[in-house]
């Protein structure tokens, strides 16, 4: 954007996915534990 090409803006994402139809309790557990892992300052630094 600074260089005059704002339409080139883009970010890449990464995440954890599974097949469709996973039990909500399993999804919630995986999501909660992943969030705790990602909150670790050392992992963020990596």
ModelCIF file with pLDDT and N, C-alpha, C, O atoms, coordinates in Angstrom:
data_MODEL
#
_entry.id   MODEL 
#
_entity.id                         1 
_entity.type                       polymer 
_entity.pdbx_number_of_molecules   1 
#
_entity_poly.entity_id                      1 
_entity_poly.type                           'polypeptide(L)' 
_entity_poly.nstd_linkage                   no 
_entity_poly.nstd_monomer                   no 
_entity_poly.pdbx_seq_one_letter_code       
;(UNK)(UNK)(UNK)(UNK)(UNK)(UNK)(UNK)(UNK)(UNK)(UNK)(UNK)(UNK)(UNK)(UNK)(UNK)(UNK)
(UNK)(UNK)(UNK)(UNK)(UNK)(UNK)(UNK)(UNK)(UNK)(UNK)(UNK)(UNK)(UNK)(UNK)(UNK)(UNK)
(UNK)(UNK)(UNK)(UNK)(UNK)(UNK)(UNK)(UNK)(UNK)(UNK)(UNK)(UNK)(UNK)(UNK)
;
_entity_poly.pdbx_seq_one_letter_code_can   XXXXXXXXXXXXXXXXXXXXXXXXXXXXXXXXXXXXXXXXXXXXXX 
_entity_poly.pdbx_strand_id                 A 
#
loop_
_entity_poly_seq.entity_id 
_entity_poly_seq.num 
_entity_poly_seq.mon_id 
_entity_poly_seq.hetero 
1 1  UNK n 
1 2  UNK n 
1 3  UNK n 
1 4  UNK n 
1 5  UNK n 
1 6  UNK n 
1 7  UNK n 
1 8  UNK n 
1 9  UNK n 
1 10 UNK n 
1 11 UNK n 
1 12 UNK n 
1 13 UNK n 
1 14 UNK n 
1 15 UNK n 
1 16 UNK n 
1 17 UNK n 
1 18 UNK n 
1 19 UNK n 
1 20 UNK n 
1 21 UNK n 
1 22 UNK n 
1 23 UNK n 
1 24 UNK n 
1 25 UNK n 
1 26 UNK n 
1 27 UNK n 
1 28 UNK n 
1 29 UNK n 
1 30 UNK n 
1 31 UNK n 
1 32 UNK n 
1 33 UNK n 
1 34 UNK n 
1 35 UNK n 
1 36 UNK n 
1 37 UNK n 
1 38 UNK n 
1 39 UNK n 
1 40 UNK n 
1 41 UNK n 
1 42 UNK n 
1 43 UNK n 
1 44 UNK n 
1 45 UNK n 
1 46 UNK n 
#
_struct_asym.id          A 
_struct_asym.entity_id   1 
#
loop_
_ma_qa_metric.id 
_ma_qa_metric.mode 
_ma_qa_metric.name 
_ma_qa_metric.software_group_id 
_ma_qa_metric.type 
1 global pLDDT . pLDDT 
2 local  pLDDT . pLDDT 
#
_ma_qa_metric_global.metric_id      1 
_ma_qa_metric_global.metric_value   96.74 
_ma_qa_metric_global.model_id       1 
_ma_qa_metric_global.ordinal_id     1 
#
loop_
_ma_qa_metric_local.label_asym_id 
_ma_qa_metric_local.label_comp_id 
_ma_qa_metric_local.label_seq_id 
_ma_qa_metric_local.metric_id 
_ma_qa_metric_local.metric_value 
_ma_qa_metric_local.model_id 
_ma_qa_metric_local.ordinal_id 
A UNK 1  2 98.00 1 1  
A UNK 2  2 98.00 1 2  
A UNK 3  2 98.00 1 3  
A UNK 4  2 98.00 1 4  
A UNK 5  2 98.00 1 5  
A UNK 6  2 97.00 1 6  
A UNK 7  2 96.00 1 7  
A UNK 8  2 97.00 1 8  
A UNK 9  2 96.00 1 9  
A UNK 10 2 95.00 1 10 
A UNK 11 2 92.00 1 11 
A UNK 12 2 89.00 1 12 
A UNK 13 2 92.00 1 13 
A UNK 14 2 95.00 1 14 
A UNK 15 2 97.00 1 15 
A UNK 16 2 98.00 1 16 
A UNK 17 2 98.00 1 17 
A UNK 18 2 98.00 1 18 
A UNK 19 2 98.00 1 19 
A UNK 20 2 98.00 1 20 
A UNK 21 2 98.00 1 21 
A UNK 22 2 98.00 1 22 
A UNK 23 2 98.00 1 23 
A UNK 24 2 97.00 1 24 
A UNK 25 2 98.00 1 25 
A UNK 26 2 98.00 1 26 
A UNK 27 2 98.00 1 27 
A UNK 28 2 98.00 1 28 
A UNK 29 2 98.00 1 29 
A UNK 30 2 98.00 1 30 
A UNK 31 2 98.00 1 31 
A UNK 32 2 98.00 1 32 
A UNK 33 2 98.00 1 33 
A UNK 34 2 98.00 1 34 
A UNK 35 2 98.00 1 35 
A UNK 36 2 98.00 1 36 
A UNK 37 2 98.00 1 37 
A UNK 38 2 98.00 1 38 
A UNK 39 2 97.00 1 39 
A UNK 40 2 97.00 1 40 
A UNK 41 2 96.00 1 41 
A UNK 42 2 96.00 1 42 
A UNK 43 2 96.00 1 43 
A UNK 44 2 95.00 1 44 
A UNK 45 2 93.00 1 45 
A UNK 46 2 91.00 1 46 
#
loop_
_atom_site.group_PDB 
_atom_site.id 
_atom_site.type_symbol 
_atom_site.label_atom_id 
_atom_site.label_alt_id 
_atom_site.label_comp_id 
_atom_site.label_asym_id 
_atom_site.label_entity_id 
_atom_site.label_seq_id 
_atom_site.pdbx_PDB_ins_code 
_atom_site.Cartn_x 
_atom_site.Cartn_y 
_atom_site.Cartn_z 
_atom_site.occupancy 
_atom_site.B_iso_or_equiv 
_atom_site.pdbx_formal_charge 
_atom_site.auth_seq_id 
_atom_site.auth_comp_id 
_atom_site.auth_asym_id 
_atom_site.auth_atom_id 
_atom_site.pdbx_PDB_model_num 
ATOM 1   N N  . UNK A 1 1  ? 0.837   -1.203  0.000  1.00 98.00 ? 1  UNK A N  1 
ATOM 2   C CA . UNK A 1 1  ? 0.000   0.000   0.000  1.00 98.00 ? 1  UNK A CA 1 
ATOM 3   C C  . UNK A 1 1  ? 0.871   1.253   0.000  1.00 98.00 ? 1  UNK A C  1 
ATOM 4   O O  . UNK A 1 1  ? 0.589   2.206   -0.725 1.00 98.00 ? 1  UNK A O  1 
ATOM 5   N N  . UNK A 1 2  ? 1.916   1.253   0.800  1.00 98.00 ? 2  UNK A N  1 
ATOM 6   C CA . UNK A 1 2  ? 2.832   2.391   0.836  1.00 98.00 ? 2  UNK A CA 1 
ATOM 7   C C  . UNK A 1 2  ? 3.454   2.653   -0.522 1.00 98.00 ? 2  UNK A C  1 
ATOM 8   O O  . UNK A 1 2  ? 3.736   3.799   -0.873 1.00 98.00 ? 2  UNK A O  1 
ATOM 9   N N  . UNK A 1 3  ? 3.667   1.597   -1.282 1.00 98.00 ? 3  UNK A N  1 
ATOM 10  C CA . UNK A 1 3  ? 4.318   1.713   -2.587 1.00 98.00 ? 3  UNK A CA 1 
ATOM 11  C C  . UNK A 1 3  ? 3.344   1.971   -3.730 1.00 98.00 ? 3  UNK A C  1 
ATOM 12  O O  . UNK A 1 3  ? 3.744   2.044   -4.892 1.00 98.00 ? 3  UNK A O  1 
ATOM 13  N N  . UNK A 1 4  ? 2.054   2.108   -3.390 1.00 98.00 ? 4  UNK A N  1 
ATOM 14  C CA . UNK A 1 4  ? 1.070   2.457   -4.408 1.00 98.00 ? 4  UNK A CA 1 
ATOM 15  C C  . UNK A 1 4  ? 0.324   1.306   -5.033 1.00 98.00 ? 4  UNK A C  1 
ATOM 16  O O  . UNK A 1 4  ? -0.298  1.463   -6.083 1.00 98.00 ? 4  UNK A O  1 
ATOM 17  N N  . UNK A 1 5  ? 0.380   0.125   -4.386 1.00 98.00 ? 5  UNK A N  1 
ATOM 18  C CA . UNK A 1 5  ? -0.330  -1.050  -4.917 1.00 98.00 ? 5  UNK A CA 1 
ATOM 19  C C  . UNK A 1 5  ? -1.260  -1.640  -3.853 1.00 98.00 ? 5  UNK A C  1 
ATOM 20  O O  . UNK A 1 5  ? -1.060  -2.780  -3.432 1.00 98.00 ? 5  UNK A O  1 
ATOM 21  N N  . UNK A 1 6  ? -2.263  -0.894  -3.415 1.00 97.00 ? 6  UNK A N  1 
ATOM 22  C CA . UNK A 1 6  ? -3.135  -1.369  -2.326 1.00 97.00 ? 6  UNK A CA 1 
ATOM 23  C C  . UNK A 1 6  ? -3.909  -2.640  -2.655 1.00 97.00 ? 6  UNK A C  1 
ATOM 24  O O  . UNK A 1 6  ? -4.240  -3.414  -1.756 1.00 97.00 ? 6  UNK A O  1 
ATOM 25  N N  . UNK A 1 7  ? -4.201  -2.862  -3.939 1.00 96.00 ? 7  UNK A N  1 
ATOM 26  C CA . UNK A 1 7  ? -4.965  -4.062  -4.302 1.00 96.00 ? 7  UNK A CA 1 
ATOM 27  C C  . UNK A 1 7  ? -4.124  -5.331  -4.232 1.00 96.00 ? 7  UNK A C  1 
ATOM 28  O O  . UNK A 1 7  ? -4.639  -6.428  -4.445 1.00 96.00 ? 7  UNK A O  1 
ATOM 29  N N  . UNK A 1 8  ? -2.838  -5.189  -3.935 1.00 97.00 ? 8  UNK A N  1 
ATOM 30  C CA . UNK A 1 8  ? -1.981  -6.360  -3.747 1.00 97.00 ? 8  UNK A CA 1 
ATOM 31  C C  . UNK A 1 8  ? -1.980  -6.846  -2.292 1.00 97.00 ? 8  UNK A C  1 
ATOM 32  O O  . UNK A 1 8  ? -1.337  -7.847  -1.975 1.00 97.00 ? 8  UNK A O  1 
ATOM 33  N N  . UNK A 1 9  ? -2.681  -6.155  -1.427 1.00 96.00 ? 9  UNK A N  1 
ATOM 34  C CA . UNK A 1 9  ? -2.699  -6.558  -0.019 1.00 96.00 ? 9  UNK A CA 1 
ATOM 35  C C  . UNK A 1 9  ? -3.262  -7.976  0.127  1.00 96.00 ? 9  UNK A C  1 
ATOM 36  O O  . UNK A 1 9  ? -4.289  -8.314  -0.461 1.00 96.00 ? 9  UNK A O  1 
ATOM 37  N N  . UNK A 1 10 ? -2.580  -8.785  0.910  1.00 95.00 ? 10 UNK A N  1 
ATOM 38  C CA . UNK A 1 10 ? -3.019  -10.170 1.137  1.00 95.00 ? 10 UNK A CA 1 
ATOM 39  C C  . UNK A 1 10 ? -2.315  -10.715 2.373  1.00 95.00 ? 10 UNK A C  1 
ATOM 40  O O  . UNK A 1 10 ? -1.179  -10.343 2.669  1.00 95.00 ? 10 UNK A O  1 
ATOM 41  N N  . UNK A 1 11 ? -2.992  -11.587 3.079  1.00 92.00 ? 11 UNK A N  1 
ATOM 42  C CA . UNK A 1 11 ? -2.369  -12.306 4.193  1.00 92.00 ? 11 UNK A CA 1 
ATOM 43  C C  . UNK A 1 11 ? -2.671  -13.791 4.019  1.00 92.00 ? 11 UNK A C  1 
ATOM 44  O O  . UNK A 1 11 ? -3.718  -14.174 3.498  1.00 92.00 ? 11 UNK A O  1 
ATOM 45  N N  . UNK A 1 12 ? -1.751  -14.596 4.458  1.00 89.00 ? 12 UNK A N  1 
ATOM 46  C CA . UNK A 1 12 ? -1.965  -16.040 4.415  1.00 89.00 ? 12 UNK A CA 1 
ATOM 47  C C  . UNK A 1 12 ? -2.426  -16.538 5.769  1.00 89.00 ? 12 UNK A C  1 
ATOM 48  O O  . UNK A 1 12 ? -2.060  -15.973 6.799  1.00 89.00 ? 12 UNK A O  1 
ATOM 49  N N  . UNK A 1 13 ? -3.226  -17.591 5.777  1.00 92.00 ? 13 UNK A N  1 
ATOM 50  C CA . UNK A 1 13 ? -3.676  -18.141 7.059  1.00 92.00 ? 13 UNK A CA 1 
ATOM 51  C C  . UNK A 1 13 ? -3.273  -19.599 7.181  1.00 92.00 ? 13 UNK A C  1 
ATOM 52  O O  . UNK A 1 13 ? -3.068  -20.303 6.192  1.00 92.00 ? 13 UNK A O  1 
ATOM 53  N N  . UNK A 1 14 ? -3.167  -20.024 8.429  1.00 95.00 ? 14 UNK A N  1 
ATOM 54  C CA . UNK A 1 14 ? -2.925  -21.422 8.758  1.00 95.00 ? 14 UNK A CA 1 
ATOM 55  C C  . UNK A 1 14 ? -3.847  -21.772 9.924  1.00 95.00 ? 14 UNK A C  1 
ATOM 56  O O  . UNK A 1 14 ? -4.108  -20.940 10.793 1.00 95.00 ? 14 UNK A O  1 
ATOM 57  N N  . UNK A 1 15 ? -4.333  -23.001 9.932  1.00 97.00 ? 15 UNK A N  1 
ATOM 58  C CA . UNK A 1 15 ? -5.229  -23.394 11.009 1.00 97.00 ? 15 UNK A CA 1 
ATOM 59  C C  . UNK A 1 15 ? -5.468  -24.889 11.030 1.00 97.00 ? 15 UNK A C  1 
ATOM 60  O O  . UNK A 1 15 ? -5.029  -25.624 10.146 1.00 97.00 ? 15 UNK A O  1 
ATOM 61  N N  . UNK A 1 16 ? -6.163  -25.311 12.043 1.00 98.00 ? 16 UNK A N  1 
ATOM 62  C CA . UNK A 1 16 ? -6.451  -26.728 12.234 1.00 98.00 ? 16 UNK A CA 1 
ATOM 63  C C  . UNK A 1 16 ? -7.865  -27.025 11.752 1.00 98.00 ? 16 UNK A C  1 
ATOM 64  O O  . UNK A 1 16 ? -8.820  -26.370 12.170 1.00 98.00 ? 16 UNK A O  1 
ATOM 65  N N  . UNK A 1 17 ? -7.997  -28.012 10.871 1.00 98.00 ? 17 UNK A N  1 
ATOM 66  C CA . UNK A 1 17 ? -9.314  -28.394 10.361 1.00 98.00 ? 17 UNK A CA 1 
ATOM 67  C C  . UNK A 1 17 ? -9.472  -29.906 10.430 1.00 98.00 ? 17 UNK A C  1 
ATOM 68  O O  . UNK A 1 17 ? -8.498  -30.651 10.530 1.00 98.00 ? 17 UNK A O  1 
ATOM 69  N N  . UNK A 1 18 ? -10.728 -30.337 10.373 1.00 98.00 ? 18 UNK A N  1 
ATOM 70  C CA . UNK A 1 18 ? -11.056 -31.752 10.338 1.00 98.00 ? 18 UNK A CA 1 
ATOM 71  C C  . UNK A 1 18 ? -12.142 -31.992 9.310  1.00 98.00 ? 18 UNK A C  1 
ATOM 72  O O  . UNK A 1 18 ? -12.592 -31.049 8.659  1.00 98.00 ? 18 UNK A O  1 
ATOM 73  N N  . UNK A 1 19 ? -12.574 -33.236 9.150  1.00 98.00 ? 19 UNK A N  1 
ATOM 74  C CA . UNK A 1 19 ? -13.667 -33.517 8.214  1.00 98.00 ? 19 UNK A CA 1 
ATOM 75  C C  . UNK A 1 19 ? -14.973 -32.891 8.707  1.00 98.00 ? 19 UNK A C  1 
ATOM 76  O O  . UNK A 1 19 ? -15.114 -32.590 9.892  1.00 98.00 ? 19 UNK A O  1 
ATOM 77  N N  . UNK A 1 20 ? -15.906 -32.701 7.811  1.00 98.00 ? 20 UNK A N  1 
ATOM 78  C CA . UNK A 1 20 ? -17.221 -32.182 8.202  1.00 98.00 ? 20 UNK A CA 1 
ATOM 79  C C  . UNK A 1 20 ? -17.916 -33.176 9.136  1.00 98.00 ? 20 UNK A C  1 
ATOM 80  O O  . UNK A 1 20 ? -17.729 -34.387 9.020  1.00 98.00 ? 20 UNK A O  1 
ATOM 81  N N  . UNK A 1 21 ? -18.710 -32.651 10.054 1.00 98.00 ? 21 UNK A N  1 
ATOM 82  C CA . UNK A 1 21 ? -19.514 -33.510 10.916 1.00 98.00 ? 21 UNK A CA 1 
ATOM 83  C C  . UNK A 1 21 ? -18.848 -33.966 12.195 1.00 98.00 ? 21 UNK A C  1 
ATOM 84  O O  . UNK A 1 21 ? -19.331 -34.906 12.826 1.00 98.00 ? 21 UNK A O  1 
ATOM 85  N N  . UNK A 1 22 ? -17.759 -33.339 12.602 1.00 98.00 ? 22 UNK A N  1 
ATOM 86  C CA . UNK A 1 22 ? -17.117 -33.726 13.859 1.00 98.00 ? 22 UNK A CA 1 
ATOM 87  C C  . UNK A 1 22 ? -18.002 -33.383 15.046 1.00 98.00 ? 22 UNK A C  1 
ATOM 88  O O  . UNK A 1 22 ? -18.691 -32.364 15.016 1.00 98.00 ? 22 UNK A O  1 
ATOM 89  N N  . UNK A 1 23 ? -18.003 -34.214 16.104 1.00 98.00 ? 23 UNK A N  1 
ATOM 90  C CA . UNK A 1 23 ? -18.806 -33.910 17.295 1.00 98.00 ? 23 UNK A CA 1 
ATOM 91  C C  . UNK A 1 23 ? -18.394 -32.578 17.907 1.00 98.00 ? 23 UNK A C  1 
ATOM 92  O O  . UNK A 1 23 ? -17.205 -32.271 17.992 1.00 98.00 ? 23 UNK A O  1 
ATOM 93  N N  . UNK A 1 24 ? -19.365 -31.794 18.328 1.00 97.00 ? 24 UNK A N  1 
ATOM 94  C CA . UNK A 1 24 ? -19.084 -30.462 18.863 1.00 97.00 ? 24 UNK A CA 1 
ATOM 95  C C  . UNK A 1 24 ? -18.153 -30.524 20.071 1.00 97.00 ? 24 UNK A C  1 
ATOM 96  O O  . UNK A 1 24 ? -17.277 -29.673 20.225 1.00 97.00 ? 24 UNK A O  1 
ATOM 97  N N  . UNK A 1 25 ? -18.341 -31.521 20.919 1.00 98.00 ? 25 UNK A N  1 
ATOM 98  C CA . UNK A 1 25 ? -17.503 -31.607 22.118 1.00 98.00 ? 25 UNK A CA 1 
ATOM 99  C C  . UNK A 1 25 ? -16.037 -31.838 21.756 1.00 98.00 ? 25 UNK A C  1 
ATOM 100 O O  . UNK A 1 25 ? -15.142 -31.310 22.416 1.00 98.00 ? 25 UNK A O  1 
ATOM 101 N N  . UNK A 1 26 ? -15.792 -32.623 20.713 1.00 98.00 ? 26 UNK A N  1 
ATOM 102 C CA . UNK A 1 26 ? -14.422 -32.878 20.270 1.00 98.00 ? 26 UNK A CA 1 
ATOM 103 C C  . UNK A 1 26 ? -13.830 -31.601 19.685 1.00 98.00 ? 26 UNK A C  1 
ATOM 104 O O  . UNK A 1 26 ? -12.685 -31.250 19.969 1.00 98.00 ? 26 UNK A O  1 
ATOM 105 N N  . UNK A 1 27 ? -14.620 -30.909 18.866 1.00 98.00 ? 27 UNK A N  1 
ATOM 106 C CA . UNK A 1 27 ? -14.172 -29.652 18.271 1.00 98.00 ? 27 UNK A CA 1 
ATOM 107 C C  . UNK A 1 27 ? -13.847 -28.641 19.358 1.00 98.00 ? 27 UNK A C  1 
ATOM 108 O O  . UNK A 1 27 ? -12.809 -27.980 19.314 1.00 98.00 ? 27 UNK A O  1 
ATOM 109 N N  . UNK A 1 28 ? -14.749 -28.525 20.342 1.00 98.00 ? 28 UNK A N  1 
ATOM 110 C CA . UNK A 1 28 ? -14.543 -27.558 21.410 1.00 98.00 ? 28 UNK A CA 1 
ATOM 111 C C  . UNK A 1 28 ? -13.289 -27.879 22.228 1.00 98.00 ? 28 UNK A C  1 
ATOM 112 O O  . UNK A 1 28 ? -12.559 -26.973 22.631 1.00 98.00 ? 28 UNK A O  1 
ATOM 113 N N  . UNK A 1 29 ? -13.044 -29.152 22.467 1.00 98.00 ? 29 UNK A N  1 
ATOM 114 C CA . UNK A 1 29 ? -11.857 -29.527 23.237 1.00 98.00 ? 29 UNK A CA 1 
ATOM 115 C C  . UNK A 1 29 ? -10.590 -29.206 22.455 1.00 98.00 ? 29 UNK A C  1 
ATOM 116 O O  . UNK A 1 29 ? -9.653  -28.621 22.998 1.00 98.00 ? 29 UNK A O  1 
ATOM 117 N N  . UNK A 1 30 ? -10.562 -29.589 21.185 1.00 98.00 ? 30 UNK A N  1 
ATOM 118 C CA . UNK A 1 30 ? -9.400  -29.296 20.354 1.00 98.00 ? 30 UNK A CA 1 
ATOM 119 C C  . UNK A 1 30 ? -9.160  -27.791 20.250 1.00 98.00 ? 30 UNK A C  1 
ATOM 120 O O  . UNK A 1 30 ? -8.025  -27.328 20.361 1.00 98.00 ? 30 UNK A O  1 
ATOM 121 N N  . UNK A 1 31 ? -10.227 -27.039 20.037 1.00 98.00 ? 31 UNK A N  1 
ATOM 122 C CA . UNK A 1 31 ? -10.111 -25.588 19.899 1.00 98.00 ? 31 UNK A CA 1 
ATOM 123 C C  . UNK A 1 31 ? -9.588  -24.948 21.175 1.00 98.00 ? 31 UNK A C  1 
ATOM 124 O O  . UNK A 1 31 ? -8.723  -24.073 21.130 1.00 98.00 ? 31 UNK A O  1 
ATOM 125 N N  . UNK A 1 32 ? -10.119 -25.392 22.323 1.00 98.00 ? 32 UNK A N  1 
ATOM 126 C CA . UNK A 1 32 ? -9.709  -24.823 23.611 1.00 98.00 ? 32 UNK A CA 1 
ATOM 127 C C  . UNK A 1 32 ? -8.240  -25.120 23.902 1.00 98.00 ? 32 UNK A C  1 
ATOM 128 O O  . UNK A 1 32 ? -7.499  -24.241 24.342 1.00 98.00 ? 32 UNK A O  1 
ATOM 129 N N  . UNK A 1 33 ? -7.824  -26.356 23.655 1.00 98.00 ? 33 UNK A N  1 
ATOM 130 C CA . UNK A 1 33 ? -6.426  -26.724 23.938 1.00 98.00 ? 33 UNK A CA 1 
ATOM 131 C C  . UNK A 1 33 ? -5.477  -26.031 22.963 1.00 98.00 ? 33 UNK A C  1 
ATOM 132 O O  . UNK A 1 33 ? -4.373  -25.639 23.343 1.00 98.00 ? 33 UNK A O  1 
ATOM 133 N N  . UNK A 1 34 ? -5.905  -25.880 21.704 1.00 98.00 ? 34 UNK A N  1 
ATOM 134 C CA . UNK A 1 34 ? -5.078  -25.171 20.726 1.00 98.00 ? 34 UNK A CA 1 
ATOM 135 C C  . UNK A 1 34 ? -4.902  -23.712 21.138 1.00 98.00 ? 34 UNK A C  1 
ATOM 136 O O  . UNK A 1 34 ? -3.809  -23.156 21.034 1.00 98.00 ? 34 UNK A O  1 
ATOM 137 N N  . UNK A 1 35 ? -5.988  -23.099 21.605 1.00 98.00 ? 35 UNK A N  1 
ATOM 138 C CA . UNK A 1 35 ? -5.916  -21.695 22.042 1.00 98.00 ? 35 UNK A CA 1 
ATOM 139 C C  . UNK A 1 35 ? -4.940  -21.526 23.204 1.00 98.00 ? 35 UNK A C  1 
ATOM 140 O O  . UNK A 1 35 ? -4.200  -20.543 23.255 1.00 98.00 ? 35 UNK A O  1 
ATOM 141 N N  . UNK A 1 36 ? -4.937  -22.475 24.134 1.00 98.00 ? 36 UNK A N  1 
ATOM 142 C CA . UNK A 1 36 ? -3.996  -22.414 25.259 1.00 98.00 ? 36 UNK A CA 1 
ATOM 143 C C  . UNK A 1 36 ? -2.556  -22.531 24.783 1.00 98.00 ? 36 UNK A C  1 
ATOM 144 O O  . UNK A 1 36 ? -1.673  -21.820 25.261 1.00 98.00 ? 36 UNK A O  1 
ATOM 145 N N  . UNK A 1 37 ? -2.330  -23.431 23.839 1.00 98.00 ? 37 UNK A N  1 
ATOM 146 C CA . UNK A 1 37 ? -0.992  -23.610 23.280 1.00 98.00 ? 37 UNK A CA 1 
ATOM 147 C C  . UNK A 1 37 ? -0.516  -22.328 22.599 1.00 98.00 ? 37 UNK A C  1 
ATOM 148 O O  . UNK A 1 37 ? 0.630   -21.914 22.772 1.00 98.00 ? 37 UNK A O  1 
ATOM 149 N N  . UNK A 1 38 ? -1.402  -21.705 21.825 1.00 98.00 ? 38 UNK A N  1 
ATOM 150 C CA . UNK A 1 38 ? -1.041  -20.510 21.069 1.00 98.00 ? 38 UNK A CA 1 
ATOM 151 C C  . UNK A 1 38 ? -0.841  -19.290 21.949 1.00 98.00 ? 38 UNK A C  1 
ATOM 152 O O  . UNK A 1 38 ? -0.254  -18.301 21.511 1.00 98.00 ? 38 UNK A O  1 
ATOM 153 N N  . UNK A 1 39 ? -1.322  -19.346 23.183 1.00 97.00 ? 39 UNK A N  1 
ATOM 154 C CA . UNK A 1 39 ? -1.161  -18.220 24.113 1.00 97.00 ? 39 UNK A CA 1 
ATOM 155 C C  . UNK A 1 39 ? 0.233   -18.199 24.743 1.00 97.00 ? 39 UNK A C  1 
ATOM 156 O O  . UNK A 1 39 ? 0.605   -17.222 25.393 1.00 97.00 ? 39 UNK A O  1 
ATOM 157 N N  . UNK A 1 40 ? 0.995   -19.261 24.554 1.00 97.00 ? 40 UNK A N  1 
ATOM 158 C CA . UNK A 1 40 ? 2.333   -19.347 25.135 1.00 97.00 ? 40 UNK A CA 1 
ATOM 159 C C  . UNK A 1 40 ? 3.269   -18.322 24.479 1.00 97.00 ? 40 UNK A C  1 
ATOM 160 O O  . UNK A 1 40 ? 3.433   -18.349 23.259 1.00 97.00 ? 40 UNK A O  1 
ATOM 161 N N  . UNK A 1 41 ? 3.889   -17.419 25.258 1.00 96.00 ? 41 UNK A N  1 
ATOM 162 C CA . UNK A 1 41 ? 4.766   -16.384 24.687 1.00 96.00 ? 41 UNK A CA 1 
ATOM 163 C C  . UNK A 1 41 ? 5.935   -16.950 23.880 1.00 96.00 ? 41 UNK A C  1 
ATOM 164 O O  . UNK A 1 41 ? 6.329   -16.361 22.873 1.00 96.00 ? 41 UNK A O  1 
ATOM 165 N N  . UNK A 1 42 ? 6.493   -18.082 24.309 1.00 96.00 ? 42 UNK A N  1 
ATOM 166 C CA . UNK A 1 42 ? 7.622   -18.663 23.591 1.00 96.00 ? 42 UNK A CA 1 
ATOM 167 C C  . UNK A 1 42 ? 7.192   -19.156 22.208 1.00 96.00 ? 42 UNK A C  1 
ATOM 168 O O  . UNK A 1 42 ? 7.921   -19.000 21.229 1.00 96.00 ? 42 UNK A O  1 
ATOM 169 N N  . UNK A 1 43 ? 6.009   -19.748 22.142 1.00 96.00 ? 43 UNK A N  1 
ATOM 170 C CA . UNK A 1 43 ? 5.511   -20.214 20.848 1.00 96.00 ? 43 UNK A CA 1 
ATOM 171 C C  . UNK A 1 43 ? 5.208   -19.016 19.934 1.00 96.00 ? 43 UNK A C  1 
ATOM 172 O O  . UNK A 1 43 ? 5.496   -19.053 18.738 1.00 96.00 ? 43 UNK A O  1 
ATOM 173 N N  . UNK A 1 44 ? 4.627   -17.958 20.508 1.00 95.00 ? 44 UNK A N  1 
ATOM 174 C CA . UNK A 1 44 ? 4.366   -16.754 19.715 1.00 95.00 ? 44 UNK A CA 1 
ATOM 175 C C  . UNK A 1 44 ? 5.665   -16.198 19.138 1.00 95.00 ? 44 UNK A C  1 
ATOM 176 O O  . UNK A 1 44 ? 5.711   -15.749 17.993 1.00 95.00 ? 44 UNK A O  1 
ATOM 177 N N  . UNK A 1 45 ? 6.722   -16.238 19.957 1.00 93.00 ? 45 UNK A N  1 
ATOM 178 C CA . UNK A 1 45 ? 8.017   -15.721 19.505 1.00 93.00 ? 45 UNK A CA 1 
ATOM 179 C C  . UNK A 1 45 ? 8.569   -16.542 18.347 1.00 93.00 ? 45 UNK A C  1 
ATOM 180 O O  . UNK A 1 45 ? 9.182   -15.996 17.429 1.00 93.00 ? 45 UNK A O  1 
ATOM 181 N N  . UNK A 1 46 ? 8.350   -17.868 18.390 1.00 91.00 ? 46 UNK A N  1 
ATOM 182 C CA . UNK A 1 46 ? 8.811   -18.731 17.300 1.00 91.00 ? 46 UNK A CA 1 
ATOM 183 C C  . UNK A 1 46 ? 8.140   -18.343 15.986 1.00 91.00 ? 46 UNK A C  1 
ATOM 184 O O  . UNK A 1 46 ? 8.403   -18.959 14.953 1.00 91.00 ? 46 UNK A O  1 
#
